[in-house]
Amino acid sequence: MLYKSFRITGLANKTVFDGGLVSTVEEPKRIRAILIDVDSYHGNSVEGWIETTRILEIPDECCSTSDYLIGASYFRPTVKMNRIPIEEVIKPGMTFKIAINCGAATTNIRGSYEYEPST
């Protein structure tokens, strides 16, 4: 298993992508999962894209957060997603990207792609 980190700073009323995980003819890749953490909950969407096709859309409230101060302000479940399975082969020449789609309040995300070489 291989890992590549990502960090995305959200912008108000925009979708911001990271550089992505590129599959090449020399190094084809299979995305197994993403490991993810959000800095806050604002009702924004974490998205996963292969080129122009969105294959993942999850509310930020479903992801784990390292902002423990919000725990005192309202009830939140103790089980949150921090590993989201993807299990997709990325065809050579294509890119899998993570994005954060923010409304008026921004959310920043950080994490890692979990991937392996594809045959």
N, C-alpha and C. Protein backbone atom coordinates (compact mmCIF):
# COMPACT_ATOMS: atom_id res chain seq x y z
N MET A 1 0.84 -1.17 0.00
CA MET A 1 0.00 0.00 0.00
C MET A 1 0.89 1.24 0.00
N LEU A 2 0.48 2.23 -0.79
CA LEU A 2 1.20 3.50 -0.87
C LEU A 2 0.28 4.63 -0.44
N TYR A 3 0.87 5.74 -0.01
CA TYR A 3 0.09 6.88 0.45
C TYR A 3 0.67 8.18 -0.11
N LYS A 4 -0.24 9.10 -0.44
CA LYS A 4 0.15 10.44 -0.90
C LYS A 4 -0.73 11.43 -0.16
N SER A 5 -0.12 12.39 0.51
CA SER A 5 -0.90 13.33 1.31
C SER A 5 -1.51 14.45 0.46
N PHE A 6 -2.58 15.04 1.00
CA PHE A 6 -3.18 16.22 0.38
C PHE A 6 -3.64 17.17 1.48
N ARG A 7 -3.68 18.45 1.14
CA ARG A 7 -4.21 19.51 2.01
C ARG A 7 -4.94 20.49 1.11
N ILE A 8 -6.15 20.84 1.50
CA ILE A 8 -6.93 21.79 0.70
C ILE A 8 -7.50 22.85 1.63
N THR A 9 -7.28 24.10 1.27
CA THR A 9 -7.86 25.22 2.00
C THR A 9 -9.13 25.64 1.26
N GLY A 10 -10.27 25.51 1.93
CA GLY A 10 -11.54 25.86 1.31
C GLY A 10 -11.69 27.35 1.09
N LEU A 11 -12.45 27.71 0.05
CA LEU A 11 -12.77 29.10 -0.24
C LEU A 11 -14.29 29.25 -0.28
N ALA A 12 -14.80 30.37 0.22
CA ALA A 12 -16.24 30.60 0.28
C ALA A 12 -16.88 30.54 -1.10
N ASN A 13 -17.95 29.78 -1.20
CA ASN A 13 -18.76 29.65 -2.42
C ASN A 13 -17.99 29.12 -3.62
N LYS A 14 -17.02 28.26 -3.36
CA LYS A 14 -16.21 27.68 -4.44
C LYS A 14 -15.92 26.21 -4.15
N THR A 15 -15.58 25.48 -5.21
CA THR A 15 -15.07 24.13 -5.09
C THR A 15 -13.57 24.19 -5.37
N VAL A 16 -12.77 23.72 -4.42
CA VAL A 16 -11.32 23.78 -4.54
C VAL A 16 -10.78 22.35 -4.59
N PHE A 17 -9.96 22.06 -5.61
CA PHE A 17 -9.38 20.74 -5.82
C PHE A 17 -7.92 20.72 -5.38
N ASP A 18 -7.44 19.54 -5.04
CA ASP A 18 -6.00 19.38 -4.82
C ASP A 18 -5.37 18.95 -6.14
N GLY A 19 -4.06 18.68 -6.13
CA GLY A 19 -3.34 18.29 -7.35
C GLY A 19 -3.72 16.91 -7.86
N GLY A 20 -4.18 16.05 -6.98
CA GLY A 20 -4.67 14.75 -7.39
C GLY A 20 -3.63 13.65 -7.45
N LEU A 21 -4.12 12.46 -7.73
CA LEU A 21 -3.31 11.26 -7.89
C LEU A 21 -3.38 10.88 -9.36
N VAL A 22 -2.25 10.98 -10.05
CA VAL A 22 -2.20 10.79 -11.50
C VAL A 22 -1.78 9.36 -11.83
N SER A 23 -2.54 8.73 -12.71
CA SER A 23 -2.19 7.40 -13.21
C SER A 23 -1.55 7.57 -14.59
N THR A 24 -0.41 6.92 -14.80
CA THR A 24 0.29 7.02 -16.08
C THR A 24 0.44 5.63 -16.69
N VAL A 25 0.84 5.58 -17.94
CA VAL A 25 1.09 4.30 -18.60
C VAL A 25 2.21 3.56 -17.87
N GLU A 26 3.24 4.31 -17.46
CA GLU A 26 4.37 3.71 -16.76
C GLU A 26 4.01 3.29 -15.34
N GLU A 27 3.11 4.04 -14.70
CA GLU A 27 2.69 3.77 -13.33
C GLU A 27 1.18 3.86 -13.18
N PRO A 28 0.44 2.84 -13.67
CA PRO A 28 -1.02 2.86 -13.48
C PRO A 28 -1.35 2.67 -11.99
N LYS A 29 -2.45 3.29 -11.55
CA LYS A 29 -2.79 3.25 -10.14
C LYS A 29 -4.23 2.82 -9.91
N ARG A 30 -4.44 2.25 -8.73
CA ARG A 30 -5.76 1.90 -8.22
C ARG A 30 -5.92 2.63 -6.90
N ILE A 31 -6.94 3.47 -6.79
CA ILE A 31 -7.21 4.19 -5.54
C ILE A 31 -8.02 3.25 -4.64
N ARG A 32 -7.49 2.96 -3.47
CA ARG A 32 -8.17 2.06 -2.53
C ARG A 32 -9.12 2.85 -1.64
N ALA A 33 -8.63 3.99 -1.12
CA ALA A 33 -9.42 4.77 -0.16
C ALA A 33 -8.79 6.14 0.02
N ILE A 34 -9.51 7.01 0.73
CA ILE A 34 -8.91 8.25 1.19
C ILE A 34 -8.99 8.26 2.71
N LEU A 35 -7.97 8.79 3.32
CA LEU A 35 -7.96 9.04 4.76
C LEU A 35 -8.16 10.54 4.89
N ILE A 36 -9.12 10.98 5.70
CA ILE A 36 -9.49 12.39 5.67
C ILE A 36 -9.85 12.93 7.04
N ASP A 37 -9.56 14.20 7.23
CA ASP A 37 -9.90 14.93 8.44
C ASP A 37 -10.29 16.35 8.01
N VAL A 38 -11.37 16.86 8.61
CA VAL A 38 -11.79 18.24 8.31
C VAL A 38 -11.51 19.11 9.53
N ASP A 39 -11.31 20.40 9.31
CA ASP A 39 -11.00 21.26 10.44
C ASP A 39 -12.23 21.78 11.16
N SER A 40 -13.40 21.70 10.52
CA SER A 40 -14.64 22.17 11.15
C SER A 40 -15.83 21.66 10.36
N TYR A 41 -17.00 21.78 10.95
CA TYR A 41 -18.23 21.35 10.29
C TYR A 41 -19.07 22.58 9.90
N HIS A 42 -19.34 22.70 8.60
CA HIS A 42 -20.14 23.83 8.12
C HIS A 42 -21.15 23.42 7.06
N GLY A 43 -21.44 22.13 6.95
CA GLY A 43 -22.41 21.68 5.95
C GLY A 43 -21.86 21.71 4.54
N ASN A 44 -20.54 21.66 4.40
CA ASN A 44 -19.92 21.63 3.08
C ASN A 44 -19.76 20.19 2.61
N SER A 45 -19.37 19.99 1.35
CA SER A 45 -19.27 18.65 0.78
C SER A 45 -17.83 18.31 0.41
N VAL A 46 -17.41 17.12 0.82
CA VAL A 46 -16.14 16.56 0.37
C VAL A 46 -16.46 15.77 -0.89
N GLU A 47 -15.74 16.04 -1.96
CA GLU A 47 -16.01 15.39 -3.25
C GLU A 47 -14.78 14.66 -3.76
N GLY A 48 -15.03 13.57 -4.48
CA GLY A 48 -13.98 12.83 -5.16
C GLY A 48 -14.30 12.77 -6.64
N TRP A 49 -13.31 13.05 -7.48
CA TRP A 49 -13.51 13.14 -8.92
C TRP A 49 -12.47 12.31 -9.67
N ILE A 50 -12.91 11.63 -10.72
CA ILE A 50 -11.99 11.08 -11.71
C ILE A 50 -12.24 11.90 -12.96
N GLU A 51 -11.26 12.76 -13.24
CA GLU A 51 -11.37 13.75 -14.32
C GLU A 51 -12.63 14.58 -14.11
N THR A 52 -13.65 14.49 -14.97
CA THR A 52 -14.85 15.33 -14.85
C THR A 52 -16.05 14.57 -14.27
N THR A 53 -15.82 13.38 -13.74
CA THR A 53 -16.91 12.58 -13.18
C THR A 53 -16.78 12.55 -11.66
N ARG A 54 -17.79 13.08 -10.98
CA ARG A 54 -17.79 13.02 -9.52
C ARG A 54 -18.25 11.63 -9.09
N ILE A 55 -17.41 10.96 -8.28
CA ILE A 55 -17.77 9.62 -7.82
C ILE A 55 -17.98 9.57 -6.31
N LEU A 56 -17.81 10.72 -5.64
CA LEU A 56 -17.94 10.76 -4.19
C LEU A 56 -18.45 12.12 -3.78
N GLU A 57 -19.44 12.13 -2.89
CA GLU A 57 -19.93 13.38 -2.31
C GLU A 57 -20.42 13.06 -0.90
N ILE A 58 -19.71 13.60 0.10
CA ILE A 58 -20.01 13.30 1.50
C ILE A 58 -20.05 14.61 2.28
N PRO A 59 -21.08 14.80 3.13
CA PRO A 59 -21.10 16.01 3.97
C PRO A 59 -19.92 16.04 4.93
N ASP A 60 -19.39 17.22 5.18
CA ASP A 60 -18.24 17.32 6.08
C ASP A 60 -18.54 16.80 7.48
N GLU A 61 -19.80 16.85 7.91
CA GLU A 61 -20.18 16.37 9.23
C GLU A 61 -19.97 14.87 9.41
N CYS A 62 -19.85 14.14 8.31
CA CYS A 62 -19.63 12.69 8.38
C CYS A 62 -18.16 12.34 8.58
N CYS A 63 -17.27 13.30 8.38
CA CYS A 63 -15.83 13.06 8.48
C CYS A 63 -15.34 13.37 9.89
N SER A 64 -14.21 12.79 10.25
CA SER A 64 -13.62 13.09 11.55
C SER A 64 -13.04 14.51 11.52
N THR A 65 -12.89 15.08 12.71
CA THR A 65 -12.30 16.41 12.82
C THR A 65 -11.29 16.43 13.95
N SER A 66 -10.30 17.26 13.82
CA SER A 66 -9.34 17.45 14.90
C SER A 66 -9.68 18.69 15.72
N ASP A 67 -10.82 19.33 15.42
CA ASP A 67 -11.28 20.51 16.16
C ASP A 67 -12.10 20.02 17.35
N TYR A 68 -11.44 19.76 18.46
CA TYR A 68 -12.14 19.21 19.62
C TYR A 68 -12.94 20.25 20.38
N LEU A 69 -12.77 21.52 20.07
CA LEU A 69 -13.54 22.56 20.74
C LEU A 69 -15.01 22.50 20.37
N ILE A 70 -15.32 22.02 19.17
CA ILE A 70 -16.73 21.98 18.77
C ILE A 70 -17.49 20.90 19.52
N GLY A 71 -16.77 19.96 20.13
CA GLY A 71 -17.42 18.89 20.88
C GLY A 71 -18.21 19.41 22.06
N ALA A 72 -17.80 20.54 22.63
CA ALA A 72 -18.50 21.09 23.78
C ALA A 72 -19.75 21.86 23.38
N SER A 73 -19.88 22.25 22.13
CA SER A 73 -20.99 23.10 21.73
C SER A 73 -22.24 22.34 21.32
N TYR A 74 -22.12 21.06 20.91
CA TYR A 74 -23.29 20.27 20.57
C TYR A 74 -22.91 18.79 20.55
N PHE A 75 -23.91 17.95 20.65
CA PHE A 75 -23.67 16.51 20.63
C PHE A 75 -23.17 16.08 19.26
N ARG A 76 -22.21 15.21 19.26
CA ARG A 76 -21.77 14.62 17.99
C ARG A 76 -21.44 13.15 18.24
N PRO A 77 -21.70 12.29 17.27
CA PRO A 77 -21.40 10.88 17.45
C PRO A 77 -19.90 10.66 17.63
N THR A 78 -19.57 9.57 18.29
CA THR A 78 -18.16 9.27 18.50
C THR A 78 -17.54 8.55 17.31
N VAL A 79 -18.35 8.05 16.42
CA VAL A 79 -17.83 7.34 15.25
C VAL A 79 -18.00 8.22 14.02
N LYS A 80 -16.88 8.62 13.44
CA LYS A 80 -16.89 9.42 12.21
C LYS A 80 -16.00 8.74 11.19
N MET A 81 -16.23 9.06 9.93
CA MET A 81 -15.43 8.48 8.87
C MET A 81 -14.06 9.13 8.84
N ASN A 82 -13.03 8.32 8.83
CA ASN A 82 -11.71 8.87 8.56
C ASN A 82 -11.04 8.08 7.44
N ARG A 83 -11.60 6.93 7.08
CA ARG A 83 -11.14 6.17 5.91
C ARG A 83 -12.36 5.88 5.06
N ILE A 84 -12.36 6.44 3.86
CA ILE A 84 -13.49 6.28 2.94
C ILE A 84 -13.05 5.39 1.79
N PRO A 85 -13.60 4.18 1.68
CA PRO A 85 -13.21 3.27 0.59
C PRO A 85 -13.64 3.81 -0.77
N ILE A 86 -12.77 3.66 -1.76
CA ILE A 86 -13.06 4.10 -3.13
C ILE A 86 -13.01 2.89 -4.07
N GLU A 87 -11.90 2.15 -4.06
CA GLU A 87 -11.73 0.92 -4.85
C GLU A 87 -12.02 1.13 -6.35
N GLU A 88 -11.28 2.04 -6.96
CA GLU A 88 -11.43 2.33 -8.39
C GLU A 88 -10.07 2.27 -9.08
N VAL A 89 -10.04 1.67 -10.25
CA VAL A 89 -8.84 1.73 -11.08
C VAL A 89 -8.86 3.07 -11.81
N ILE A 90 -7.75 3.77 -11.75
CA ILE A 90 -7.62 5.03 -12.47
C ILE A 90 -6.93 4.72 -13.80
N LYS A 91 -7.62 4.94 -14.89
CA LYS A 91 -7.04 4.63 -16.20
C LYS A 91 -5.83 5.52 -16.47
N PRO A 92 -4.83 4.99 -17.19
CA PRO A 92 -3.66 5.80 -17.52
C PRO A 92 -4.06 7.12 -18.19
N GLY A 93 -3.42 8.20 -17.76
CA GLY A 93 -3.71 9.52 -18.30
C GLY A 93 -4.80 10.25 -17.53
N MET A 94 -5.41 9.58 -16.54
CA MET A 94 -6.49 10.20 -15.77
C MET A 94 -6.01 10.51 -14.36
N THR A 95 -6.76 11.39 -13.68
CA THR A 95 -6.40 11.84 -12.34
C THR A 95 -7.59 11.70 -11.41
N PHE A 96 -7.34 11.19 -10.22
CA PHE A 96 -8.35 11.17 -9.16
C PHE A 96 -8.04 12.35 -8.25
N LYS A 97 -9.04 13.19 -7.99
CA LYS A 97 -8.84 14.38 -7.17
C LYS A 97 -9.88 14.45 -6.05
N ILE A 98 -9.45 15.00 -4.93
CA ILE A 98 -10.35 15.32 -3.84
C ILE A 98 -10.61 16.82 -3.89
N ALA A 99 -11.83 17.21 -3.52
CA ALA A 99 -12.20 18.62 -3.52
C ALA A 99 -13.06 18.92 -2.29
N ILE A 100 -13.08 20.18 -1.90
CA ILE A 100 -14.02 20.64 -0.89
C ILE A 100 -14.90 21.70 -1.53
N ASN A 101 -16.21 21.46 -1.48
CA ASN A 101 -17.20 22.38 -2.05
C ASN A 101 -17.81 23.15 -0.89
N CYS A 102 -17.45 24.43 -0.76
CA CYS A 102 -17.86 25.25 0.38
C CYS A 102 -18.98 26.21 0.03
N GLY A 103 -19.81 26.46 1.02
CA GLY A 103 -20.79 27.54 0.93
C GLY A 103 -20.14 28.80 1.49
N ALA A 104 -20.91 29.58 2.24
CA ALA A 104 -20.39 30.84 2.78
C ALA A 104 -19.33 30.62 3.85
N ALA A 105 -19.45 29.53 4.62
CA ALA A 105 -18.45 29.21 5.64
C ALA A 105 -17.50 28.15 5.09
N THR A 106 -16.22 28.30 5.33
CA THR A 106 -15.24 27.42 4.72
C THR A 106 -14.84 26.26 5.63
N THR A 107 -14.42 25.18 4.99
CA THR A 107 -13.86 24.01 5.66
C THR A 107 -12.56 23.67 4.97
N ASN A 108 -11.54 23.38 5.75
CA ASN A 108 -10.26 22.92 5.20
C ASN A 108 -10.17 21.42 5.42
N ILE A 109 -9.57 20.71 4.48
CA ILE A 109 -9.42 19.26 4.63
C ILE A 109 -7.96 18.87 4.44
N ARG A 110 -7.61 17.78 5.07
CA ARG A 110 -6.28 17.22 4.91
C ARG A 110 -6.41 15.71 5.03
N GLY A 111 -5.50 15.02 4.40
CA GLY A 111 -5.57 13.57 4.45
C GLY A 111 -4.56 12.94 3.53
N SER A 112 -4.89 11.74 3.09
CA SER A 112 -3.97 10.98 2.26
C SER A 112 -4.74 10.07 1.32
N TYR A 113 -4.20 9.92 0.12
CA TYR A 113 -4.71 8.90 -0.80
C TYR A 113 -4.08 7.57 -0.41
N GLU A 114 -4.86 6.53 -0.33
CA GLU A 114 -4.34 5.19 -0.14
C GLU A 114 -4.48 4.50 -1.49
N TYR A 115 -3.37 4.09 -2.07
CA TYR A 115 -3.42 3.54 -3.42
C TYR A 115 -2.39 2.42 -3.59
N GLU A 116 -2.49 1.75 -4.72
CA GLU A 116 -1.52 0.71 -5.05
C GLU A 116 -1.30 0.70 -6.55
N PRO A 117 -0.20 0.14 -7.00
CA PRO A 117 0.00 0.00 -8.45
C PRO A 117 -1.07 -0.90 -9.04
N SER A 118 -1.50 -0.58 -10.22
CA SER A 118 -2.51 -1.38 -10.93
C SER A 118 -1.83 -2.15 -12.06
N THR A 119 -2.37 -3.31 -12.36
CA THR A 119 -1.79 -4.10 -13.44
C THR A 119 -2.68 -4.11 -14.66
